[in-house]
Structures are given as C-alpha cells and as structure tokens.
Amino acid sequence: MSVWQEKKIYVAQCLEVDVASQGETEEEALSNLQEALELHFEDPVATVLPEIKKVQAEVGAA
C-alpha cells in the first residue's frame, strides 16, 4: 500500500490490485481505500435477469 499527498488531498493506493482512493486526511484516505477494496471484491449483482422462453421443437431421425 502506498499513501501520498497531492496538494490538499491524500491518496491511498493498494498496489497489488491497483485500487486507489482519496481523502482530506491520511486516515480518511485509508478508510476510503478500505471501502473501495470491499466494493472491488464484492460479488457482482445481476442487473439483467435471464429471459426464459418456451419453444416448440420436433425431433426426428434422418
């Protein structure tokens, strides 16, 4: 993990997964980074449900 100051903000970055966040203090930047990492590793939620359709098919031997 790396933390540095850019002008009036602190930036915290997790180098292993390339996730970063910022805050007005070093502690806030680290807290925001923790939240960003939790969101990064959270299981995705499906936004589109699969559509199931009934179809009619004939099976025959050739």
PDB file of N, CA and C in Angstrom:
ATOM      1  N   MET A   1       0.851  -1.158   0.000  1.00  0.00           N
ATOM      2  CA  MET A   1       0.000   0.000   0.000  1.00  0.00           C
ATOM      3  C   MET A   1       0.902   1.229   0.000  1.00  0.00           C
ATOM      4  N   SER A   2       0.413   2.258  -0.661  1.00  0.00           N
ATOM      5  CA  SER A   2       1.161   3.499  -0.755  1.00  0.00           C
ATOM      6  C   SER A   2       0.226   4.664  -0.449  1.00  0.00           C
ATOM      7  N   VAL A   3       0.706   5.631   0.333  1.00  0.00           N
ATOM      8  CA  VAL A   3      -0.076   6.828   0.663  1.00  0.00           C
ATOM      9  C   VAL A   3       0.807   8.039   0.401  1.00  0.00           C
ATOM     10  N   TRP A   4       0.251   9.027  -0.307  1.00  0.00           N
ATOM     11  CA  TRP A   4       0.996  10.251  -0.562  1.00  0.00           C
ATOM     12  C   TRP A   4       0.039  11.432  -0.614  1.00  0.00           C
ATOM     13  N   GLN A   5       0.608  12.624  -0.538  1.00  0.00           N
ATOM     14  CA  GLN A   5      -0.195  13.843  -0.554  1.00  0.00           C
ATOM     15  C   GLN A   5      -0.021  14.550  -1.889  1.00  0.00           C
ATOM     16  N   GLU A   6      -1.149  14.953  -2.466  1.00  0.00           N
ATOM     17  CA  GLU A   6      -1.163  15.761  -3.686  1.00  0.00           C
ATOM     18  C   GLU A   6      -1.936  17.034  -3.377  1.00  0.00           C
ATOM     19  N   LYS A   7      -1.218  18.134  -3.302  1.00  0.00           N
ATOM     20  CA  LYS A   7      -1.795  19.426  -2.937  1.00  0.00           C
ATOM     21  C   LYS A   7      -2.554  19.298  -1.624  1.00  0.00           C
ATOM     22  N   LYS A   8      -3.894  19.389  -1.628  1.00  0.00           N
ATOM     23  CA  LYS A   8      -4.658  19.381  -0.377  1.00  0.00           C
ATOM     24  C   LYS A   8      -5.323  18.044  -0.074  1.00  0.00           C
ATOM     25  N   ILE A   9      -5.028  17.004  -0.850  1.00  0.00           N
ATOM     26  CA  ILE A   9      -5.649  15.702  -0.597  1.00  0.00           C
ATOM     27  C   ILE A   9      -4.583  14.623  -0.411  1.00  0.00           C
ATOM     28  N   TYR A  10      -4.986  13.571   0.284  1.00  0.00           N
ATOM     29  CA  TYR A  10      -4.142  12.395   0.432  1.00  0.00           C
ATOM     30  C   TYR A  10      -4.684  11.304  -0.477  1.00  0.00           C
ATOM     31  N   VAL A  11      -3.786  10.559  -1.087  1.00  0.00           N
ATOM     32  CA  VAL A  11      -4.155   9.451  -1.963  1.00  0.00           C
ATOM     33  C   VAL A  11      -3.609   8.171  -1.341  1.00  0.00           C
ATOM     34  N   ALA A  12      -4.470   7.157  -1.249  1.00  0.00           N
ATOM     35  CA  ALA A  12      -4.062   5.841  -0.759  1.00  0.00           C
ATOM     36  C   ALA A  12      -4.301   4.848  -1.886  1.00  0.00           C
ATOM     37  N   GLN A  13      -3.298   4.021  -2.169  1.00  0.00           N
ATOM     38  CA  GLN A  13      -3.406   3.072  -3.274  1.00  0.00           C
ATOM     39  C   GLN A  13      -2.936   1.697  -2.820  1.00  0.00           C
ATOM     40  N   CYS A  14      -3.726   0.682  -3.156  1.00  0.00           N
ATOM     41  CA  CYS A  14      -3.336  -0.709  -2.944  1.00  0.00           C
ATOM     42  C   CYS A  14      -2.672  -1.171  -4.234  1.00  0.00           C
ATOM     43  N   LEU A  15      -1.383  -1.364  -4.204  1.00  0.00           N
ATOM     44  CA  LEU A  15      -0.617  -1.667  -5.410  1.00  0.00           C
ATOM     45  C   LEU A  15      -0.895  -3.064  -5.950  1.00  0.00           C
ATOM     46  N   GLU A  16      -1.270  -3.995  -5.087  1.00  0.00           N
ATOM     47  CA  GLU A  16      -1.495  -5.375  -5.522  1.00  0.00           C
ATOM     48  C   GLU A  16      -2.683  -5.504  -6.466  1.00  0.00           C
ATOM     49  N   VAL A  17      -3.722  -4.681  -6.277  1.00  0.00           N
ATOM     50  CA  VAL A  17      -4.916  -4.785  -7.130  1.00  0.00           C
ATOM     51  C   VAL A  17      -5.215  -3.481  -7.864  1.00  0.00           C
ATOM     52  N   ASP A  18      -4.333  -2.500  -7.771  1.00  0.00           N
ATOM     53  CA  ASP A  18      -4.475  -1.216  -8.459  1.00  0.00           C
ATOM     54  C   ASP A  18      -5.813  -0.547  -8.170  1.00  0.00           C
ATOM     55  N   VAL A  19      -6.130  -0.432  -6.878  1.00  0.00           N
ATOM     56  CA  VAL A  19      -7.319   0.290  -6.421  1.00  0.00           C
ATOM     57  C   VAL A  19      -6.816   1.459  -5.584  1.00  0.00           C
ATOM     58  N   ALA A  20      -7.407   2.637  -5.798  1.00  0.00           N
ATOM     59  CA  ALA A  20      -6.975   3.820  -5.063  1.00  0.00           C
ATOM     60  C   ALA A  20      -8.180   4.619  -4.603  1.00  0.00           C
ATOM     61  N   SER A  21      -7.957   5.465  -3.587  1.00  0.00           N
ATOM     62  CA  SER A  21      -8.991   6.371  -3.109  1.00  0.00           C
ATOM     63  C   SER A  21      -8.298   7.591  -2.526  1.00  0.00           C
ATOM     64  N   GLN A  22      -9.088   8.566  -2.112  1.00  0.00           N
ATOM     65  CA  GLN A  22      -8.505   9.796  -1.591  1.00  0.00           C
ATOM     66  C   GLN A  22      -9.305  10.308  -0.406  1.00  0.00           C
ATOM     67  N   GLY A  23      -8.727  11.263   0.310  1.00  0.00           N
ATOM     68  CA  GLY A  23      -9.401  11.887   1.435  1.00  0.00           C
ATOM     69  C   GLY A  23      -8.686  13.158   1.838  1.00  0.00           C
ATOM     70  N   GLU A  24      -9.334  13.919   2.710  1.00  0.00           N
ATOM     71  CA  GLU A  24      -8.737  15.177   3.172  1.00  0.00           C
ATOM     72  C   GLU A  24      -7.622  14.944   4.181  1.00  0.00           C
ATOM     73  N   THR A  25      -7.628  13.768   4.832  1.00  0.00           N
ATOM     74  CA  THR A  25      -6.562  13.387   5.757  1.00  0.00           C
ATOM     75  C   THR A  25      -6.044  12.013   5.344  1.00  0.00           C
ATOM     76  N   GLU A  26      -4.890  11.644   5.884  1.00  0.00           N
ATOM     77  CA  GLU A  26      -4.343  10.318   5.587  1.00  0.00           C
ATOM     78  C   GLU A  26      -5.288   9.225   6.094  1.00  0.00           C
ATOM     79  N   GLU A  27      -5.845   9.435   7.286  1.00  0.00           N
ATOM     80  CA  GLU A  27      -6.765   8.455   7.862  1.00  0.00           C
ATOM     81  C   GLU A  27      -8.019   8.303   7.002  1.00  0.00           C
ATOM     82  N   GLU A  28      -8.550   9.414   6.495  1.00  0.00           N
ATOM     83  CA  GLU A  28      -9.740   9.361   5.639  1.00  0.00           C
ATOM     84  C   GLU A  28      -9.427   8.653   4.318  1.00  0.00           C
ATOM     85  N   ALA A  29      -8.264   8.909   3.766  1.00  0.00           N
ATOM     86  CA  ALA A  29      -7.871   8.246   2.521  1.00  0.00           C
ATOM     87  C   ALA A  29      -7.769   6.740   2.729  1.00  0.00           C
ATOM     88  N   LEU A  30      -7.204   6.314   3.862  1.00  0.00           N
ATOM     89  CA  LEU A  30      -7.094   4.886   4.157  1.00  0.00           C
ATOM     90  C   LEU A  30      -8.464   4.256   4.384  1.00  0.00           C
ATOM     91  N   SER A  31      -9.338   4.965   5.070  1.00  0.00           N
ATOM     92  CA  SER A  31     -10.700   4.468   5.295  1.00  0.00           C
ATOM     93  C   SER A  31     -11.447   4.343   3.972  1.00  0.00           C
ATOM     94  N   ASN A  32     -11.303   5.339   3.117  1.00  0.00           N
ATOM     95  CA  ASN A  32     -11.946   5.298   1.800  1.00  0.00           C
ATOM     96  C   ASN A  32     -11.363   4.178   0.935  1.00  0.00           C
ATOM     97  N   LEU A  33     -10.070   3.923   1.076  1.00  0.00           N
ATOM     98  CA  LEU A  33      -9.450   2.825   0.342  1.00  0.00           C
ATOM     99  C   LEU A  33     -10.009   1.488   0.814  1.00  0.00           C
ATOM    100  N   GLN A  34     -10.206   1.348   2.120  1.00  0.00           N
ATOM    101  CA  GLN A  34     -10.788   0.113   2.658  1.00  0.00           C
ATOM    102  C   GLN A  34     -12.161  -0.133   2.043  1.00  0.00           C
ATOM    103  N   GLU A  35     -12.986   0.917   1.980  1.00  0.00           N
ATOM    104  CA  GLU A  35     -14.321   0.791   1.381  1.00  0.00           C
ATOM    105  C   GLU A  35     -14.218   0.446  -0.111  1.00  0.00           C
ATOM    106  N   ALA A  36     -13.297   1.087  -0.808  1.00  0.00           N
ATOM    107  CA  ALA A  36     -13.123   0.820  -2.240  1.00  0.00           C
ATOM    108  C   ALA A  36     -12.695  -0.631  -2.476  1.00  0.00           C
ATOM    109  N   LEU A  37     -11.834  -1.157  -1.607  1.00  0.00           N
ATOM    110  CA  LEU A  37     -11.406  -2.550  -1.743  1.00  0.00           C
ATOM    111  C   LEU A  37     -12.557  -3.515  -1.473  1.00  0.00           C
ATOM    112  N   GLU A  38     -13.384  -3.196  -0.479  1.00  0.00           N
ATOM    113  CA  GLU A  38     -14.549  -4.040  -0.194  1.00  0.00           C
ATOM    114  C   GLU A  38     -15.491  -4.071  -1.395  1.00  0.00           C
ATOM    115  N   LEU A  39     -15.714  -2.928  -2.010  1.00  0.00           N
ATOM    116  CA  LEU A  39     -16.574  -2.874  -3.196  1.00  0.00           C
ATOM    117  C   LEU A  39     -15.932  -3.607  -4.375  1.00  0.00           C
ATOM    118  N   HIS A  40     -14.622  -3.486  -4.508  1.00  0.00           N
ATOM    119  CA  HIS A  40     -13.908  -4.138  -5.610  1.00  0.00           C
ATOM    120  C   HIS A  40     -14.057  -5.661  -5.546  1.00  0.00           C
ATOM    121  N   PHE A  41     -14.011  -6.216  -4.327  1.00  0.00           N
ATOM    122  CA  PHE A  41     -14.062  -7.665  -4.167  1.00  0.00           C
ATOM    123  C   PHE A  41     -15.463  -8.197  -3.889  1.00  0.00           C
ATOM    124  N   GLU A  42     -16.456  -7.320  -3.847  1.00  0.00           N
ATOM    125  CA  GLU A  42     -17.833  -7.732  -3.607  1.00  0.00           C
ATOM    126  C   GLU A  42     -18.360  -8.519  -4.811  1.00  0.00           C
ATOM    127  N   ASP A  43     -19.192  -9.521  -4.530  1.00  0.00           N
ATOM    128  CA  ASP A  43     -19.802 -10.285  -5.618  1.00  0.00           C
ATOM    129  C   ASP A  43     -20.685  -9.366  -6.452  1.00  0.00           C
ATOM    130  N   PRO A  44     -20.594  -9.468  -7.772  1.00  0.00           N
ATOM    131  CA  PRO A  44     -21.428  -8.613  -8.628  1.00  0.00           C
ATOM    132  C   PRO A  44     -22.904  -8.991  -8.510  1.00  0.00           C
ATOM    133  N   VAL A  45     -23.753  -8.005  -8.674  1.00  0.00           N
ATOM    134  CA  VAL A  45     -25.196  -8.206  -8.643  1.00  0.00           C
ATOM    135  C   VAL A  45     -25.700  -8.138 -10.080  1.00  0.00           C
ATOM    136  N   ALA A  46     -26.477  -9.135 -10.474  1.00  0.00           N
ATOM    137  CA  ALA A  46     -27.014  -9.154 -11.840  1.00  0.00           C
ATOM    138  C   ALA A  46     -28.002  -8.010 -12.016  1.00  0.00           C
ATOM    139  N   THR A  47     -27.829  -7.252 -13.071  1.00  0.00           N
ATOM    140  CA  THR A  47     -28.754  -6.152 -13.348  1.00  0.00           C
ATOM    141  C   THR A  47     -29.765  -6.534 -14.417  1.00  0.00           C
ATOM    142  N   VAL A  48     -29.487  -7.616 -15.121  1.00  0.00           N
ATOM    143  CA  VAL A  48     -30.404  -8.099 -16.155  1.00  0.00           C
ATOM    144  C   VAL A  48     -30.710  -9.560 -15.847  1.00  0.00           C
ATOM    145  N   LEU A  49     -31.977  -9.860 -15.687  1.00  0.00           N
ATOM    146  CA  LEU A  49     -32.365 -11.233 -15.406  1.00  0.00           C
ATOM    147  C   LEU A  49     -32.470 -12.019 -16.704  1.00  0.00           C
ATOM    148  N   PRO A  50     -32.128 -13.297 -16.671  1.00  0.00           N
ATOM    149  CA  PRO A  50     -32.248 -14.099 -17.890  1.00  0.00           C
ATOM    150  C   PRO A  50     -33.710 -14.261 -18.288  1.00  0.00           C
ATOM    151  N   GLU A  51     -33.945 -14.323 -19.577  1.00  0.00           N
ATOM    152  CA  GLU A  51     -35.303 -14.497 -20.096  1.00  0.00           C
ATOM    153  C   GLU A  51     -35.481 -15.956 -20.504  1.00  0.00           C
ATOM    154  N   ILE A  52     -36.526 -16.575 -19.992  1.00  0.00           N
ATOM    155  CA  ILE A  52     -36.805 -17.974 -20.314  1.00  0.00           C
ATOM    156  C   ILE A  52     -38.009 -18.015 -21.236  1.00  0.00           C
ATOM    157  N   LYS A  53     -37.833 -18.674 -22.371  1.00  0.00           N
ATOM    158  CA  LYS A  53     -38.914 -18.790 -23.352  1.00  0.00           C
ATOM    159  C   LYS A  53     -39.202 -20.260 -23.607  1.00  0.00           C
ATOM    160  N   LYS A  54     -40.471 -20.570 -23.840  1.00  0.00           N
ATOM    161  CA  LYS A  54     -40.848 -21.915 -24.246  1.00  0.00           C
ATOM    162  C   LYS A  54     -40.819 -21.958 -25.764  1.00  0.00           C
ATOM    163  N   VAL A  55     -40.194 -22.996 -26.293  1.00  0.00           N
ATOM    164  CA  VAL A  55     -40.146 -23.174 -27.738  1.00  0.00           C
ATOM    165  C   VAL A  55     -40.655 -24.571 -28.073  1.00  0.00           C
ATOM    166  N   GLN A  56     -41.202 -24.694 -29.251  1.00  0.00           N
ATOM    167  CA  GLN A  56     -41.697 -25.985 -29.699  1.00  0.00           C
ATOM    168  C   GLN A  56     -40.711 -26.531 -30.724  1.00  0.00           C
ATOM    169  N   ALA A  57     -40.329 -27.794 -30.548  1.00  0.00           N
ATOM    170  CA  ALA A  57     -39.363 -28.402 -31.461  1.00  0.00           C
ATOM    171  C   ALA A  57     -39.814 -29.805 -31.821  1.00  0.00           C
ATOM    172  N   GLU A  58     -39.499 -30.198 -33.031  1.00  0.00           N
ATOM    173  CA  GLU A  58     -39.784 -31.561 -33.480  1.00  0.00           C
ATOM    174  C   GLU A  58     -38.467 -32.300 -33.610  1.00  0.00           C
ATOM    175  N   VAL A  59     -38.450 -33.521 -33.108  1.00  0.00           N
ATOM    176  CA  VAL A  59     -37.246 -34.334 -33.181  1.00  0.00           C
ATOM    177  C   VAL A  59     -37.538 -35.510 -34.096  1.00  0.00           C
ATOM    178  N   GLY A  60     -36.695 -35.716 -35.067  1.00  0.00           N
ATOM    179  CA  GLY A  60     -36.896 -36.821 -36.000  1.00  0.00           C
ATOM    180  C   GLY A  60     -35.580 -37.470 -36.359  1.00  0.00           C
ATOM    181  N   ALA A  61     -35.650 -38.670 -36.867  1.00  0.00           N
ATOM    182  CA  ALA A  61     -34.446 -39.381 -37.295  1.00  0.00           C
ATOM    183  C   ALA A  61     -34.254 -39.183 -38.790  1.00  0.00           C
ATOM    184  N   ALA A  62     -33.021 -39.022 -39.198  1.00  0.00           N
ATOM    185  CA  ALA A  62     -32.726 -38.819 -40.615  1.00  0.00           C
ATOM    186  C   ALA A  62     -32.346 -40.096 -41.299  1.00  0.00           C
TER     187      ALA A  62
END
